[in-house]
C-alpha atoms as a PDB file:
ATOM      1  CA  UNK A   1      99.872 101.965 123.919  1.00  0.00           C
ATOM      2  CA  UNK A   2     100.463 105.372 125.397  1.00  0.00           C
ATOM      3  CA  UNK A   3      96.777 106.126 124.842  1.00  0.00           C
ATOM      4  CA  UNK A   4      93.601 106.033 126.884  1.00  0.00           C
ATOM      5  CA  UNK A   5      90.883 103.513 126.006  1.00  0.00           C
ATOM      6  CA  UNK A   6      87.264 103.611 127.099  1.00  0.00           C
ATOM      7  CA  UNK A   7      84.450 101.152 126.519  1.00  0.00           C
ATOM      8  CA  UNK A   8      80.698 101.663 126.620  1.00  0.00           C
ATOM      9  CA  UNK A   9      78.221  98.839 126.132  1.00  0.00           C
ATOM     10  CA  UNK A  10      74.470  98.342 126.381  1.00  0.00           C
ATOM     11  CA  UNK A  11      73.768  95.075 128.184  1.00  0.00           C
ATOM     12  CA  UNK A  12      70.997  93.687 130.359  1.00  0.00           C
ATOM     13  CA  UNK A  13      73.206  92.213 133.108  1.00  0.00           C
ATOM     14  CA  UNK A  14      75.446  94.677 134.985  1.00  0.00           C
ATOM     15  CA  UNK A  15      77.815  92.075 136.449  1.00  0.00           C
ATOM     16  CA  UNK A  16      78.171  90.260 133.142  1.00  0.00           C
ATOM     17  CA  UNK A  17      78.844  93.591 131.439  1.00  0.00           C
ATOM     18  CA  UNK A  18      81.547  94.372 133.999  1.00  0.00           C
ATOM     19  CA  UNK A  19      83.207  91.033 133.229  1.00  0.00           C
ATOM     20  CA  UNK A  20      83.124  91.835 129.515  1.00  0.00           C
ATOM     21  CA  UNK A  21      84.790  95.186 130.232  1.00  0.00           C
ATOM     22  CA  UNK A  22      87.603  93.419 132.074  1.00  0.00           C
ATOM     23  CA  UNK A  23      88.123  91.113 129.111  1.00  0.00           C
ATOM     24  CA  UNK A  24      88.248  94.166 126.832  1.00  0.00           C
ATOM     25  CA  UNK A  25      91.020  95.681 128.972  1.00  0.00           C
ATOM     26  CA  UNK A  26      92.987  92.420 128.829  1.00  0.00           C
ATOM     27  CA  UNK A  27      92.662  92.373 125.037  1.00  0.00           C
ATOM     28  CA  UNK A  28      94.201  95.851 124.780  1.00  0.00           C
ATOM     29  CA  UNK A  29      96.989  94.768 127.117  1.00  0.00           C
ATOM     30  CA  UNK A  30      97.607  91.699 124.948  1.00  0.00           C
ATOM     31  CA  UNK A  31      97.886  93.836 121.838  1.00  0.00           C
ATOM     32  CA  UNK A  32     100.235  96.240 123.601  1.00  0.00           C
ATOM     33  CA  UNK A  33     102.699  93.427 124.282  1.00  0.00           C
ATOM     34  CA  UNK A  34     102.718  92.827 120.546  1.00  0.00           C
ATOM     35  CA  UNK A  35     102.635  96.314 119.035  1.00  0.00           C
ATOM     36  CA  UNK A  36     104.276  98.756 121.452  1.00  0.00           C
ATOM     37  CA  UNK A  37     107.592 100.177 120.269  1.00  0.00           C
ATOM     38  CA  UNK A  38     108.287 101.350 123.836  1.00  0.00           C
ATOM     39  CA  UNK A  39     108.158  97.940 125.524  1.00  0.00           C
ATOM     40  CA  UNK A  40     111.421  96.025 125.320  1.00  0.00           C
ATOM     41  CA  UNK A  41     109.547  92.723 125.421  1.00  0.00           C
ATOM     42  CA  UNK A  42     107.193  93.462 122.513  1.00  0.00           C
ATOM     43  CA  UNK A  43     107.338  91.766 119.122  1.00  0.00           C
ATOM     44  CA  UNK A  44     107.784  95.178 117.519  1.00  0.00           C
ATOM     45  CA  UNK A  45     110.873  95.891 119.644  1.00  0.00           C
ATOM     46  CA  UNK A  46     112.331  92.479 118.827  1.00  0.00           C
ATOM     47  CA  UNK A  47     111.859  93.155 115.129  1.00  0.00           C
ATOM     48  CA  UNK A  48     113.390  96.636 115.418  1.00  0.00           C
ATOM     49  CA  UNK A  49     116.406  95.352 117.344  1.00  0.00           C
ATOM     50  CA  UNK A  50     117.164  92.893 114.547  1.00  0.00           C
ATOM     51  CA  UNK A  51     116.788  95.331 111.655  1.00  0.00           C
ATOM     52  CA  UNK A  52     119.505  94.666 109.086  1.00  0.00           C
ATOM     53  CA  UNK A  53     120.628  91.618 111.057  1.00  0.00           C
ATOM     54  CA  UNK A  54     118.187  88.754 110.638  1.00  0.00           C
ATOM     55  CA  UNK A  55     114.528  87.910 109.939  1.00  0.00           C
ATOM     56  CA  UNK A  56     112.194  87.417 112.891  1.00  0.00           C
ATOM     57  CA  UNK A  57     109.366  84.892 113.024  1.00  0.00           C
ATOM     58  CA  UNK A  58     106.210  86.612 114.259  1.00  0.00           C
ATOM     59  CA  UNK A  59     102.651  85.503 115.097  1.00  0.00           C
ATOM     60  CA  UNK A  60     100.234  85.209 112.188  1.00  0.00           C
ATOM     61  CA  UNK A  61      98.160  88.101 113.563  1.00  0.00           C
ATOM     62  CA  UNK A  62     101.180  90.421 113.580  1.00  0.00           C
ATOM     63  CA  UNK A  63     102.297  89.241 110.133  1.00  0.00           C
ATOM     64  CA  UNK A  64      98.899  89.969 108.584  1.00  0.00           C
ATOM     65  CA  UNK A  65      98.734  93.414 110.205  1.00  0.00           C
ATOM     66  CA  UNK A  66     102.104  94.356 108.704  1.00  0.00           C
ATOM     67  CA  UNK A  67     100.898  93.112 105.312  1.00  0.00           C
ATOM     68  CA  UNK A  68      97.896  95.415 105.551  1.00  0.00           C
ATOM     69  CA  UNK A  69     100.156  98.297 106.580  1.00  0.00           C
ATOM     70  CA  UNK A  70     102.171  97.760 103.402  1.00  0.00           C
ATOM     71  CA  UNK A  71      98.893  97.778 101.468  1.00  0.00           C
ATOM     72  CA  UNK A  72      97.988 101.178 102.950  1.00  0.00           C
ATOM     73  CA  UNK A  73     101.485 102.425 102.052  1.00  0.00           C
ATOM     74  CA  UNK A  74     101.032 101.342  98.444  1.00  0.00           C
ATOM     75  CA  UNK A  75      97.508 102.768  98.336  1.00  0.00           C
ATOM     76  CA  UNK A  76      98.714 106.179  99.558  1.00  0.00           C
ATOM     77  CA  UNK A  77     101.943 106.218  97.535  1.00  0.00           C
ATOM     78  CA  UNK A  78     104.001 106.093 100.722  1.00  0.00           C
ATOM     79  CA  UNK A  79     102.150 108.797 102.665  1.00  0.00           C
ATOM     80  CA  UNK A  80     101.386 106.154 105.286  1.00  0.00           C
ATOM     81  CA  UNK A  81     104.502 104.264 106.367  1.00  0.00           C
ATOM     82  CA  UNK A  82     105.052 102.311 109.599  1.00  0.00           C
ATOM     83  CA  UNK A  83     108.835 102.444 109.091  1.00  0.00           C
ATOM     84  CA  UNK A  84     108.861 106.110 110.100  1.00  0.00           C
ATOM     85  CA  UNK A  85     109.734 105.425 113.748  1.00  0.00           C
ATOM     86  CA  UNK A  86     113.439 106.241 113.451  1.00  0.00           C
ATOM     87  CA  UNK A  87     112.550 109.815 112.432  1.00  0.00           C
ATOM     88  CA  UNK A  88     110.297 110.499 115.395  1.00  0.00           C
ATOM     89  CA  UNK A  89     113.144 110.516 117.914  1.00  0.00           C
ATOM     90  CA  UNK A  90     114.510 113.719 116.351  1.00  0.00           C
ATOM     91  CA  UNK A  91     111.402 115.742 117.183  1.00  0.00           C
ATOM     92  CA  UNK A  92     109.872 117.058 120.393  1.00  0.00           C
ATOM     93  CA  UNK A  93     106.230 117.958 119.839  1.00  0.00           C
ATOM     94  CA  UNK A  94     105.762 119.605 123.208  1.00  0.00           C
ATOM     95  CA  UNK A  95     104.497 122.962 121.852  1.00  0.00           C
ATOM     96  CA  UNK A  96     107.752 124.573 123.023  1.00  0.00           C
ATOM     97  CA  UNK A  97     110.330 123.323 120.533  1.00  0.00           C
ATOM     98  CA  UNK A  98     110.895 126.092 118.012  1.00  0.00           C
ATOM     99  CA  UNK A  99     113.550 124.687 115.708  1.00  0.00           C
ATOM    100  CA  UNK A 100     113.907 121.771 113.320  1.00  0.00           C
ATOM    101  CA  UNK A 101     116.491 119.024 113.629  1.00  0.00           C
ATOM    102  CA  UNK A 102     119.608 119.489 111.545  1.00  0.00           C
ATOM    103  CA  UNK A 103     118.842 118.715 107.902  1.00  0.00           C
ATOM    104  CA  UNK A 104     121.834 116.386 107.657  1.00  0.00           C
ATOM    105  CA  UNK A 105     120.434 114.347 110.550  1.00  0.00           C
ATOM    106  CA  UNK A 106     117.076 114.081 108.795  1.00  0.00           C
ATOM    107  CA  UNK A 107     118.654 113.071 105.496  1.00  0.00           C
ATOM    108  CA  UNK A 108     120.819 110.454 107.230  1.00  0.00           C
ATOM    109  CA  UNK A 109     117.775 108.990 108.971  1.00  0.00           C
ATOM    110  CA  UNK A 110     115.584 108.969 105.863  1.00  0.00           C
ATOM    111  CA  UNK A 111     117.439 106.007 104.381  1.00  0.00           C
ATOM    112  CA  UNK A 112     115.874 103.857 107.116  1.00  0.00           C
ATOM    113  CA  UNK A 113     112.336 104.973 106.192  1.00  0.00           C
ATOM    114  CA  UNK A 114     110.906 102.936 103.337  1.00  0.00           C
ATOM    115  CA  UNK A 115     108.043 100.460 103.549  1.00  0.00           C
ATOM    116  CA  UNK A 116     109.541  98.627 100.564  1.00  0.00           C
ATOM    117  CA  UNK A 117     112.414  97.571 102.837  1.00  0.00           C
ATOM    118  CA  UNK A 118     109.977  95.558 104.976  1.00  0.00           C
ATOM    119  CA  UNK A 119     110.373  92.090 103.550  1.00  0.00           C
ATOM    120  CA  UNK A 120     107.543  89.638 104.156  1.00  0.00           C
ATOM    121  CA  UNK A 121     109.128  86.204 104.006  1.00  0.00           C
ATOM    122  CA  UNK A 122     107.606  82.732 104.151  1.00  0.00           C
ATOM    123  CA  UNK A 123     106.619  81.019 107.395  1.00  0.00           C
ATOM    124  CA  UNK A 124     105.549  84.331 109.031  1.00  0.00           C
ATOM    125  CA  UNK A 125     109.055  85.788 109.014  1.00  0.00           C
ATOM    126  CA  UNK A 126     109.687  89.507 108.571  1.00  0.00           C
ATOM    127  CA  UNK A 127     113.029  91.093 107.758  1.00  0.00           C
ATOM    128  CA  UNK A 128     113.749  94.815 108.046  1.00  0.00           C
ATOM    129  CA  UNK A 129     116.462  95.249 105.444  1.00  0.00           C
ATOM    130  CA  UNK A 130     118.037  98.484 106.669  1.00  0.00           C
ATOM    131  CA  UNK A 131     120.055  98.608 109.866  1.00  0.00           C
ATOM    132  CA  UNK A 132     118.577 101.266 112.147  1.00  0.00           C
ATOM    133  CA  UNK A 133     115.146 100.804 110.633  1.00  0.00           C
ATOM    134  CA  UNK A 134     112.277 100.846 113.133  1.00  0.00           C
ATOM    135  CA  UNK A 135     108.568 100.140 112.888  1.00  0.00           C
ATOM    136  CA  UNK A 136     105.884 102.065 114.726  1.00  0.00           C
ATOM    137  CA  UNK A 137     102.185 101.237 114.775  1.00  0.00           C
ATOM    138  CA  UNK A 138     101.251 104.654 116.189  1.00  0.00           C
ATOM    139  CA  UNK A 139      99.245 105.496 113.057  1.00  0.00           C
ATOM    140  CA  UNK A 140      97.230 102.273 112.970  1.00  0.00           C
ATOM    141  CA  UNK A 141      97.571 100.421 116.284  1.00  0.00           C
ATOM    142  CA  UNK A 142      94.761 102.169 118.152  1.00  0.00           C
ATOM    143  CA  UNK A 143      92.340 101.598 115.293  1.00  0.00           C
ATOM    144  CA  UNK A 144      93.342  97.957 115.054  1.00  0.00           C
ATOM    145  CA  UNK A 145      92.878  97.537 118.806  1.00  0.00           C
ATOM    146  CA  UNK A 146      89.440  99.164 118.660  1.00  0.00           C
ATOM    147  CA  UNK A 147      88.357  96.707 115.961  1.00  0.00           C
ATOM    148  CA  UNK A 148      89.685  93.753 117.949  1.00  0.00           C
ATOM    149  CA  UNK A 149      87.883  94.793 121.135  1.00  0.00           C
ATOM    150  CA  UNK A 150      84.650  95.346 119.206  1.00  0.00           C
ATOM    151  CA  UNK A 151      84.891  91.850 117.708  1.00  0.00           C
ATOM    152  CA  UNK A 152      85.616  90.377 121.132  1.00  0.00           C
ATOM    153  CA  UNK A 153      82.610  92.062 122.757  1.00  0.00           C
ATOM    154  CA  UNK A 154      80.364  91.042 119.882  1.00  0.00           C
ATOM    155  CA  UNK A 155      81.519  87.438 120.325  1.00  0.00           C
ATOM    156  CA  UNK A 156      80.136  87.623 123.884  1.00  0.00           C
ATOM    157  CA  UNK A 157      76.761  88.641 122.488  1.00  0.00           C
ATOM    158  CA  UNK A 158      77.016  92.371 123.187  1.00  0.00           C
ATOM    159  CA  UNK A 159      74.579  93.924 120.713  1.00  0.00           C
ATOM    160  CA  UNK A 160      75.546  97.569 121.130  1.00  0.00           C
ATOM    161  CA  UNK A 161      78.547  99.553 122.223  1.00  0.00           C
ATOM    162  CA  UNK A 162      81.394 101.992 121.575  1.00  0.00           C
ATOM    163  CA  UNK A 163      85.149 101.513 121.814  1.00  0.00           C
ATOM    164  CA  UNK A 164      87.075 104.770 122.063  1.00  0.00           C
ATOM    165  CA  UNK A 165      90.834 104.468 121.587  1.00  0.00           C
ATOM    166  CA  UNK A 166      91.921 108.063 122.211  1.00  0.00           C
ATOM    167  CA  UNK A 167      89.675 109.359 119.465  1.00  0.00           C
ATOM    168  CA  UNK A 168      89.788 106.318 117.206  1.00  0.00           C
ATOM    169  CA  UNK A 169      86.235 105.238 117.796  1.00  0.00           C
ATOM    170  CA  UNK A 170      84.141 102.335 116.581  1.00  0.00           C
ATOM    171  CA  UNK A 171      80.465 101.729 117.289  1.00  0.00           C
ATOM    172  CA  UNK A 172      77.836  99.110 116.689  1.00  0.00           C
ATOM    173  CA  UNK A 173      74.154  98.900 117.468  1.00  0.00           C
ATOM    174  CA  UNK A 174      72.340 101.866 118.983  1.00  0.00           C
ATOM    175  CA  UNK A 175      72.570 103.841 122.227  1.00  0.00           C
ATOM    176  CA  UNK A 176      70.270 103.575 125.261  1.00  0.00           C
ATOM    177  CA  UNK A 177      67.656 105.676 123.461  1.00  0.00           C
ATOM    178  CA  UNK A 178      67.737 103.298 120.473  1.00  0.00           C
ATOM    179  CA  UNK A 179      69.366 105.997 118.331  1.00  0.00           C
ATOM    180  CA  UNK A 180      72.621 106.054 116.405  1.00  0.00           C
ATOM    181  CA  UNK A 181      75.685 106.827 118.468  1.00  0.00           C
ATOM    182  CA  UNK A 182      76.883 110.379 117.860  1.00  0.00           C
ATOM    183  CA  UNK A 183      80.480 111.573 117.753  1.00  0.00           C
ATOM    184  CA  UNK A 184      81.803 115.109 117.880  1.00  0.00           C
ATOM    185  CA  UNK A 185      84.754 116.219 115.761  1.00  0.00           C
ATOM    186  CA  UNK A 186      86.917 118.573 117.872  1.00  0.00           C
ATOM    187  CA  UNK A 187      87.152 122.177 116.796  1.00  0.00           C
ATOM    188  CA  UNK A 188      90.902 122.825 116.317  1.00  0.00           C
ATOM    189  CA  UNK A 189      90.345 126.560 116.743  1.00  0.00           C
ATOM    190  CA  UNK A 190      89.212 126.113 120.359  1.00  0.00           C
ATOM    191  CA  UNK A 191      90.495 124.301 123.438  1.00  0.00           C
ATOM    192  CA  UNK A 192      87.107 122.644 123.826  1.00  0.00           C
ATOM    193  CA  UNK A 193      83.966 122.162 121.774  1.00  0.00           C
ATOM    194  CA  UNK A 194      83.188 120.565 118.439  1.00  0.00           C
ATOM    195  CA  UNK A 195      83.290 121.729 114.849  1.00  0.00           C
ATOM    196  CA  UNK A 196      80.349 119.438 114.118  1.00  0.00           C
ATOM    197  CA  UNK A 197      78.676 116.261 115.321  1.00  0.00           C
ATOM    198  CA  UNK A 198      77.875 113.285 113.132  1.00  0.00           C
ATOM    199  CA  UNK A 199      75.905 110.045 113.659  1.00  0.00           C
ATOM    200  CA  UNK A 200      77.686 106.703 113.481  1.00  0.00           C
ATOM    201  CA  UNK A 201      75.501 103.895 112.217  1.00  0.00           C
ATOM    202  CA  UNK A 202      77.678 100.810 112.775  1.00  0.00           C
ATOM    203  CA  UNK A 203      80.679 102.811 111.651  1.00  0.00           C
ATOM    204  CA  UNK A 204      84.111 103.842 112.878  1.00  0.00           C
ATOM    205  CA  UNK A 205      85.874 107.193 112.861  1.00  0.00           C
ATOM    206  CA  UNK A 206      89.449 108.315 113.434  1.00  0.00           C
ATOM    207  CA  UNK A 207      90.721 111.878 113.664  1.00  0.00           C
ATOM    208  CA  UNK A 208      94.281 113.102 113.189  1.00  0.00           C
ATOM    209  CA  UNK A 209      95.012 116.686 114.121  1.00  0.00           C
ATOM    210  CA  UNK A 210      97.443 119.272 115.429  1.00  0.00           C
ATOM    211  CA  UNK A 211      95.393 120.190 118.473  1.00  0.00           C
ATOM    212  CA  UNK A 212      97.552 118.542 121.130  1.00  0.00           C
ATOM    213  CA  UNK A 213     100.907 117.613 119.609  1.00  0.00           C
ATOM    214  CA  UNK A 214     102.609 120.352 117.626  1.00  0.00           C
ATOM    215  CA  UNK A 215     105.284 123.002 117.695  1.00  0.00           C
ATOM    216  CA  UNK A 216     105.482 126.517 116.283  1.00  0.00           C
ATOM    217  CA  UNK A 217     108.478 127.772 114.348  1.00  0.00           C
ATOM    218  CA  UNK A 218     108.630 131.231 112.724  1.00  0.00           C
ATOM    219  CA  UNK A 219     104.948 131.691 113.576  1.00  0.00           C
ATOM    220  CA  UNK A 220     104.000 128.567 111.618  1.00  0.00           C
ATOM    221  CA  UNK A 221     102.309 125.597 113.288  1.00  0.00           C
ATOM    222  CA  UNK A 222     103.611 122.093 112.572  1.00  0.00           C
ATOM    223  CA  UNK A 223     101.773 118.865 113.352  1.00  0.00           C
ATOM    224  CA  UNK A 224     103.343 115.769 114.919  1.00  0.00           C
ATOM    225  CA  UNK A 225     102.507 113.857 111.723  1.00  0.00           C
ATOM    226  CA  UNK A 226     105.712 113.410 109.726  1.00  0.00           C
ATOM    227  CA  UNK A 227     106.031 113.097 105.975  1.00  0.00           C
ATOM    228  CA  UNK A 228     107.861 109.786 105.321  1.00  0.00           C
ATOM    229  CA  UNK A 229     109.417 111.133 102.122  1.00  0.00           C
ATOM    230  CA  UNK A 230     110.803 114.427 103.419  1.00  0.00           C
ATOM    231  CA  UNK A 231     111.217 113.612 107.096  1.00  0.00           C
ATOM    232  CA  UNK A 232     109.532 116.914 107.933  1.00  0.00           C
ATOM    233  CA  UNK A 233     106.360 117.592 109.944  1.00  0.00           C
ATOM    234  CA  UNK A 234     103.203 118.505 108.097  1.00  0.00           C
ATOM    235  CA  UNK A 235     101.595 121.929 108.240  1.00  0.00           C
ATOM    236  CA  UNK A 236      98.397 123.532 107.003  1.00  0.00           C
ATOM    237  CA  UNK A 237      95.734 120.925 107.667  1.00  0.00           C
ATOM    238  CA  UNK A 238      94.261 121.242 111.163  1.00  0.00           C
ATOM    239  CA  UNK A 239      92.413 117.934 111.333  1.00  0.00           C
ATOM    240  CA  UNK A 240      91.392 114.936 109.247  1.00  0.00           C
ATOM    241  CA  UNK A 241      88.515 112.640 110.198  1.00  0.00           C
ATOM    242  CA  UNK A 242      87.848 109.440 108.280  1.00  0.00           C
ATOM    243  CA  UNK A 243      84.654 107.377 108.552  1.00  0.00           C
ATOM    244  CA  UNK A 244      84.571 103.719 107.534  1.00  0.00           C
ATOM    245  CA  UNK A 245      83.391 100.374 108.873  1.00  0.00           C
ATOM    246  CA  UNK A 246      86.945  99.571 109.978  1.00  0.00           C
ATOM    247  CA  UNK A 247      88.724 101.596 112.670  1.00  0.00           C
ATOM    248  CA  UNK A 248      92.028 100.292 111.362  1.00  0.00           C
ATOM    249  CA  UNK A 249      91.309 101.677 107.916  1.00  0.00           C
ATOM    250  CA  UNK A 250      90.143 104.999 109.385  1.00  0.00           C
ATOM    251  CA  UNK A 251      93.324 105.319 111.434  1.00  0.00           C
ATOM    252  CA  UNK A 252      95.686 104.597 108.546  1.00  0.00           C
ATOM    253  CA  UNK A 253      93.857 106.766 106.011  1.00  0.00           C
ATOM    254  CA  UNK A 254      93.567 109.757 108.358  1.00  0.00           C
ATOM    255  CA  UNK A 255      97.357 109.787 108.645  1.00  0.00           C
ATOM    256  CA  UNK A 256      97.800 109.307 104.897  1.00  0.00           C
ATOM    257  CA  UNK A 257      95.485 112.217 104.066  1.00  0.00           C
ATOM    258  CA  UNK A 258      97.308 114.452 106.548  1.00  0.00           C
ATOM    259  CA  UNK A 259     100.520 113.845 104.617  1.00  0.00           C
ATOM    260  CA  UNK A 260      98.977 113.929 101.127  1.00  0.00           C
ATOM    261  CA  UNK A 261      97.136 117.198 101.720  1.00  0.00           C
ATOM    262  CA  UNK A 262      93.464 117.961 101.275  1.00  0.00           C
ATOM    263  CA  UNK A 263      93.236 117.785  97.464  1.00  0.00           C
ATOM    264  CA  UNK A 264      95.127 114.521  96.954  1.00  0.00           C
ATOM    265  CA  UNK A 265      93.611 113.108 100.141  1.00  0.00           C
ATOM    266  CA  UNK A 266      90.046 113.737  99.005  1.00  0.00           C
ATOM    267  CA  UNK A 267      90.862 112.401  95.538  1.00  0.00           C
ATOM    268  CA  UNK A 268      91.968 109.170  97.223  1.00  0.00           C
ATOM    269  CA  UNK A 269      88.903 108.899  99.478  1.00  0.00           C
ATOM    270  CA  UNK A 270      86.495 109.700  96.643  1.00  0.00           C
ATOM    271  CA  UNK A 271      87.630 106.477  94.962  1.00  0.00           C
ATOM    272  CA  UNK A 272      86.358 104.503  97.977  1.00  0.00           C
ATOM    273  CA  UNK A 273      82.543 104.423  97.976  1.00  0.00           C
ATOM    274  CA  UNK A 274      82.224 103.225 101.604  1.00  0.00           C
ATOM    275  CA  UNK A 275      84.878 105.541 103.075  1.00  0.00           C
ATOM    276  CA  UNK A 276      84.393 109.225 103.835  1.00  0.00           C
ATOM    277  CA  UNK A 277      86.512 112.122 105.055  1.00  0.00           C
ATOM    278  CA  UNK A 278      86.129 115.513 106.703  1.00  0.00           C
ATOM    279  CA  UNK A 279      89.110 117.859 106.525  1.00  0.00           C
ATOM    280  CA  UNK A 280      89.601 121.164 108.296  1.00  0.00           C
ATOM    281  CA  UNK A 281      92.169 123.432 106.707  1.00  0.00           C
ATOM    282  CA  UNK A 282      92.576 127.156 107.351  1.00  0.00           C
ATOM    283  CA  UNK A 283      89.442 127.006 109.530  1.00  0.00           C
ATOM    284  CA  UNK A 284      87.358 125.748 106.601  1.00  0.00           C
ATOM    285  CA  UNK A 285      85.691 122.324 106.331  1.00  0.00           C
ATOM    286  CA  UNK A 286      86.048 120.110 103.254  1.00  0.00           C
ATOM    287  CA  UNK A 287      84.027 116.926 102.708  1.00  0.00           C
ATOM    288  CA  UNK A 288      84.441 113.862 100.521  1.00  0.00           C
ATOM    289  CA  UNK A 289      81.833 113.543  97.763  1.00  0.00           C
ATOM    290  CA  UNK A 290      79.575 110.813  99.135  1.00  0.00           C
ATOM    291  CA  UNK A 291      79.480 111.643 102.822  1.00  0.00           C
ATOM    292  CA  UNK A 292      76.045 111.844 104.451  1.00  0.00           C
ATOM    293  CA  UNK A 293      76.079 113.681 107.769  1.00  0.00           C
ATOM    294  CA  UNK A 294      72.476 112.730 108.503  1.00  0.00           C
ATOM    295  CA  UNK A 295      72.823 108.946 108.426  1.00  0.00           C
END
């Protein structure tokens, strides 16, 4: 998936635990063959290649994931949108690019970005209505994979562990000291270190930020997160962390908040009693109403 995954489990039998780890790796590899937009043999690539041409029959698992992606798009008023892939090719977030793509190019590409053009047909068929339209699961795939690996390990009887999908992290049980797992939220002002640490009691967390992928133009820093409505990169917010029981939900909502901005993003999260957010903007931390950093 273009991301690093790590697994940590507490288990009484070392060799059995090692076998479980191998099965976890195979599960991520299985999901990659389904979700990667960079593999020519993936279901995502097959769907993208047939955009505007014909519907594609997909596995039930894939079909249901896309349905949930559309739900997150509706929930966030389009701030989260998996049809944004065609825009990404026009940007180079290598910290060196100092100019935007031509506005006409952006406007021409924007007609292919609209979650409402993803048609969910009967018998697990999906049709991308617009030719040139492309799906990307970059904003939800890692979280989904983390949830799937967690469920797999739990099915083997693993009582405690952590799945870390490049910062999209889910935990269950307690650590070796019988305490809650603890996660650090990176400090975007520094190359290393944390802004704060929080306990995860059978919870997941995902963080979106401009720490690694960005570019600077006219002394202004732009994140790699693109606004699906304008086609432009976001700026201002340094990081968004979302805590929830589902890594998938955390992943999608962190991206949505980044696009919505801190005020609208927190308004959205405050309507979800079991979901919480921490936003850093202009070196200041903002918290959703019901977050408890001590439990």
